[in-house]
């Protein structure tokens, strides 16, 4: 904490906040893409192979765009 500005957080304390923010923004983008696929009628279809994504997989990862076989990363 900065002694002259007690409300100013230490930069070391801010880094985790930025990491969390980036993760939340990424998750939000995934949800927005899922909603677009829902509007297009392609939600639940693997974008790599066109196969239907298992209901169990969608329940576990509702924003996924790939079947288990083609999940990147």
N, C-alpha and C. Protein backbone atom coordinates (compact mmCIF):
# COMPACT_ATOMS: atom_id res chain seq x y z
N UNK A 1 0.84 -1.17 0.00
CA UNK A 1 0.00 0.00 0.00
C UNK A 1 0.88 1.24 0.00
N UNK A 2 0.48 2.24 -0.72
CA UNK A 2 1.20 3.51 -0.80
C UNK A 2 0.87 4.32 0.45
N UNK A 3 1.87 4.64 1.33
CA UNK A 3 1.58 5.37 2.56
C UNK A 3 1.00 6.75 2.32
N UNK A 4 1.36 7.40 1.21
CA UNK A 4 0.84 8.73 0.92
C UNK A 4 -0.58 8.67 0.35
N UNK A 5 -0.93 7.54 -0.25
CA UNK A 5 -2.27 7.35 -0.83
C UNK A 5 -2.81 6.00 -0.36
N UNK A 6 -3.34 5.96 0.86
CA UNK A 6 -3.73 4.68 1.43
C UNK A 6 -4.78 3.91 0.61
N UNK A 7 -5.55 4.59 -0.21
CA UNK A 7 -6.55 3.87 -0.99
C UNK A 7 -5.99 3.31 -2.29
N UNK A 8 -4.74 3.62 -2.62
CA UNK A 8 -4.11 3.12 -3.83
C UNK A 8 -3.54 1.73 -3.57
N UNK A 9 -4.04 0.72 -4.28
CA UNK A 9 -3.53 -0.62 -4.02
C UNK A 9 -2.10 -0.79 -4.53
N UNK A 10 -1.40 -1.66 -3.87
CA UNK A 10 -0.05 -2.04 -4.27
C UNK A 10 -0.15 -2.72 -5.64
N UNK A 11 0.73 -2.38 -6.60
CA UNK A 11 0.67 -3.02 -7.92
C UNK A 11 0.72 -4.55 -7.85
N UNK A 12 1.41 -5.09 -6.86
CA UNK A 12 1.47 -6.54 -6.72
C UNK A 12 0.10 -7.11 -6.38
N UNK A 13 -0.74 -6.33 -5.71
CA UNK A 13 -2.09 -6.77 -5.37
C UNK A 13 -3.03 -6.64 -6.57
N UNK A 14 -2.72 -5.76 -7.49
CA UNK A 14 -3.59 -5.53 -8.65
C UNK A 14 -3.42 -6.59 -9.72
N UNK A 15 -2.25 -7.18 -9.85
CA UNK A 15 -2.00 -8.16 -10.90
C UNK A 15 -2.98 -9.32 -10.86
N UNK A 16 -3.25 -9.91 -9.70
CA UNK A 16 -4.24 -11.00 -9.68
C UNK A 16 -5.63 -10.52 -10.10
N UNK A 17 -5.98 -9.29 -9.74
CA UNK A 17 -7.27 -8.74 -10.14
C UNK A 17 -7.37 -8.65 -11.66
N UNK A 18 -6.30 -8.25 -12.32
CA UNK A 18 -6.30 -8.15 -13.78
C UNK A 18 -6.37 -9.52 -14.42
N UNK A 19 -5.73 -10.50 -13.80
CA UNK A 19 -5.78 -11.87 -14.30
C UNK A 19 -7.21 -12.40 -14.20
N UNK A 20 -7.86 -12.15 -13.08
CA UNK A 20 -9.25 -12.58 -12.89
C UNK A 20 -10.14 -11.87 -13.89
N UNK A 21 -9.93 -10.58 -14.09
CA UNK A 21 -10.72 -9.82 -15.05
C UNK A 21 -10.56 -10.38 -16.46
N UNK A 22 -9.35 -10.70 -16.86
CA UNK A 22 -9.11 -11.26 -18.19
C UNK A 22 -9.83 -12.60 -18.34
N UNK A 23 -9.82 -13.42 -17.29
CA UNK A 23 -10.49 -14.72 -17.34
C UNK A 23 -12.00 -14.54 -17.47
N UNK A 24 -12.56 -13.62 -16.71
CA UNK A 24 -14.00 -13.37 -16.77
C UNK A 24 -14.39 -12.81 -18.14
N UNK A 25 -13.58 -11.91 -18.68
CA UNK A 25 -13.86 -11.36 -20.01
C UNK A 25 -13.82 -12.46 -21.07
N UNK A 26 -12.88 -13.38 -20.95
CA UNK A 26 -12.78 -14.50 -21.89
C UNK A 26 -14.01 -15.40 -21.79
N UNK A 27 -14.44 -15.69 -20.56
CA UNK A 27 -15.62 -16.52 -20.36
C UNK A 27 -16.87 -15.84 -20.92
N UNK A 28 -16.97 -14.54 -20.73
CA UNK A 28 -18.11 -13.78 -21.26
C UNK A 28 -18.12 -13.85 -22.78
N UNK A 29 -16.96 -13.71 -23.40
CA UNK A 29 -16.87 -13.81 -24.86
C UNK A 29 -17.30 -15.20 -25.33
N UNK A 30 -16.93 -16.25 -24.58
CA UNK A 30 -17.35 -17.61 -24.93
C UNK A 30 -18.87 -17.73 -24.87
N UNK A 31 -19.47 -17.16 -23.85
CA UNK A 31 -20.93 -17.21 -23.71
C UNK A 31 -21.60 -16.44 -24.85
N UNK A 32 -21.06 -15.28 -25.19
CA UNK A 32 -21.63 -14.49 -26.29
C UNK A 32 -21.55 -15.26 -27.61
N UNK A 33 -20.43 -15.95 -27.85
CA UNK A 33 -20.31 -16.76 -29.06
C UNK A 33 -21.31 -17.92 -29.04
N UNK A 34 -21.52 -18.50 -27.86
CA UNK A 34 -22.50 -19.58 -27.73
C UNK A 34 -23.90 -19.09 -28.04
N UNK A 35 -24.23 -17.91 -27.55
CA UNK A 35 -25.55 -17.33 -27.82
C UNK A 35 -25.72 -17.06 -29.31
N UNK A 36 -24.66 -16.62 -29.96
CA UNK A 36 -24.72 -16.39 -31.42
C UNK A 36 -24.96 -17.72 -32.14
N UNK A 37 -24.28 -18.79 -31.69
CA UNK A 37 -24.49 -20.11 -32.30
C UNK A 37 -25.92 -20.59 -32.06
N UNK A 38 -26.46 -20.28 -30.90
CA UNK A 38 -27.85 -20.64 -30.60
C UNK A 38 -28.79 -19.93 -31.57
N UNK A 39 -28.57 -18.64 -31.80
CA UNK A 39 -29.37 -17.87 -32.75
C UNK A 39 -29.25 -18.42 -34.17
N UNK A 40 -28.05 -18.88 -34.53
CA UNK A 40 -27.79 -19.41 -35.87
C UNK A 40 -28.29 -20.85 -36.05
N UNK A 41 -28.61 -21.49 -34.93
CA UNK A 41 -29.04 -22.88 -34.99
C UNK A 41 -27.90 -23.87 -35.02
N UNK A 42 -26.69 -23.43 -34.67
CA UNK A 42 -25.54 -24.33 -34.70
C UNK A 42 -25.03 -24.68 -33.31
N UNK A 43 -25.71 -24.21 -32.26
CA UNK A 43 -25.29 -24.55 -30.90
C UNK A 43 -25.41 -26.05 -30.70
N UNK A 44 -24.40 -26.65 -30.09
CA UNK A 44 -24.42 -28.08 -29.83
C UNK A 44 -23.84 -28.89 -30.97
N UNK A 45 -23.30 -28.20 -31.97
CA UNK A 45 -22.67 -28.86 -33.11
C UNK A 45 -21.19 -28.50 -33.10
N UNK A 46 -20.32 -29.49 -33.21
CA UNK A 46 -18.88 -29.26 -33.21
C UNK A 46 -18.50 -28.41 -34.41
N UNK A 47 -17.77 -27.33 -34.16
CA UNK A 47 -17.34 -26.45 -35.25
C UNK A 47 -16.23 -27.06 -36.09
N UNK A 48 -15.59 -28.11 -35.60
CA UNK A 48 -14.51 -28.74 -36.36
C UNK A 48 -15.03 -29.84 -37.29
N UNK A 49 -15.94 -30.68 -36.77
CA UNK A 49 -16.35 -31.84 -37.57
C UNK A 49 -17.84 -31.88 -37.89
N UNK A 50 -18.62 -31.02 -37.23
CA UNK A 50 -20.06 -30.97 -37.49
C UNK A 50 -20.87 -31.99 -36.73
N UNK A 51 -20.23 -32.80 -35.90
CA UNK A 51 -20.94 -33.80 -35.11
C UNK A 51 -21.70 -33.13 -33.96
N UNK A 52 -22.72 -33.80 -33.50
CA UNK A 52 -23.48 -33.31 -32.34
C UNK A 52 -22.61 -33.47 -31.09
N UNK A 53 -22.54 -32.42 -30.29
CA UNK A 53 -21.79 -32.46 -29.03
C UNK A 53 -22.66 -33.15 -27.99
N UNK A 54 -22.09 -34.10 -27.27
CA UNK A 54 -22.83 -34.86 -26.25
C UNK A 54 -23.48 -33.92 -25.23
N UNK A 55 -24.69 -34.28 -24.81
CA UNK A 55 -25.41 -33.49 -23.80
C UNK A 55 -24.61 -33.37 -22.50
N UNK A 56 -23.92 -34.44 -22.12
CA UNK A 56 -23.11 -34.42 -20.89
C UNK A 56 -22.00 -33.38 -21.01
N UNK A 57 -21.39 -33.31 -22.18
CA UNK A 57 -20.32 -32.32 -22.39
C UNK A 57 -20.88 -30.91 -22.34
N UNK A 58 -22.04 -30.69 -22.98
CA UNK A 58 -22.65 -29.37 -22.96
C UNK A 58 -23.09 -28.98 -21.55
N UNK A 59 -23.55 -29.97 -20.76
CA UNK A 59 -23.93 -29.68 -19.38
C UNK A 59 -22.71 -29.26 -18.56
N UNK A 60 -21.58 -29.89 -18.82
CA UNK A 60 -20.35 -29.58 -18.09
C UNK A 60 -19.70 -28.29 -18.58
N UNK A 61 -19.77 -28.05 -19.91
CA UNK A 61 -19.17 -26.87 -20.53
C UNK A 61 -20.15 -26.27 -21.53
N UNK A 62 -21.14 -25.52 -21.05
CA UNK A 62 -22.19 -25.02 -21.93
C UNK A 62 -21.69 -24.13 -23.08
N UNK A 63 -20.54 -23.51 -22.92
CA UNK A 63 -20.04 -22.60 -23.95
C UNK A 63 -19.13 -23.30 -24.95
N UNK A 64 -18.94 -24.61 -24.82
CA UNK A 64 -18.02 -25.30 -25.73
C UNK A 64 -18.55 -25.28 -27.16
N UNK A 65 -17.64 -25.21 -28.10
CA UNK A 65 -18.00 -25.21 -29.51
C UNK A 65 -17.46 -26.45 -30.22
N UNK A 66 -16.86 -27.36 -29.43
CA UNK A 66 -16.20 -28.52 -30.01
C UNK A 66 -16.56 -29.79 -29.26
N UNK A 67 -16.61 -30.88 -29.98
CA UNK A 67 -16.77 -32.19 -29.34
C UNK A 67 -15.47 -32.48 -28.59
N UNK A 68 -15.50 -33.51 -27.75
CA UNK A 68 -14.31 -33.84 -26.93
C UNK A 68 -13.10 -34.15 -27.80
N UNK A 69 -13.32 -34.78 -28.95
CA UNK A 69 -12.23 -35.15 -29.83
C UNK A 69 -11.52 -33.94 -30.44
N UNK A 70 -12.25 -32.86 -30.68
CA UNK A 70 -11.68 -31.71 -31.37
C UNK A 70 -11.47 -30.48 -30.48
N UNK A 71 -11.61 -30.65 -29.18
CA UNK A 71 -11.41 -29.53 -28.26
C UNK A 71 -9.96 -29.06 -28.35
N UNK A 72 -9.75 -27.79 -28.70
CA UNK A 72 -8.37 -27.27 -28.78
C UNK A 72 -7.71 -27.19 -27.41
N UNK A 73 -6.40 -27.27 -27.42
CA UNK A 73 -5.61 -27.01 -26.25
C UNK A 73 -5.49 -28.10 -25.32
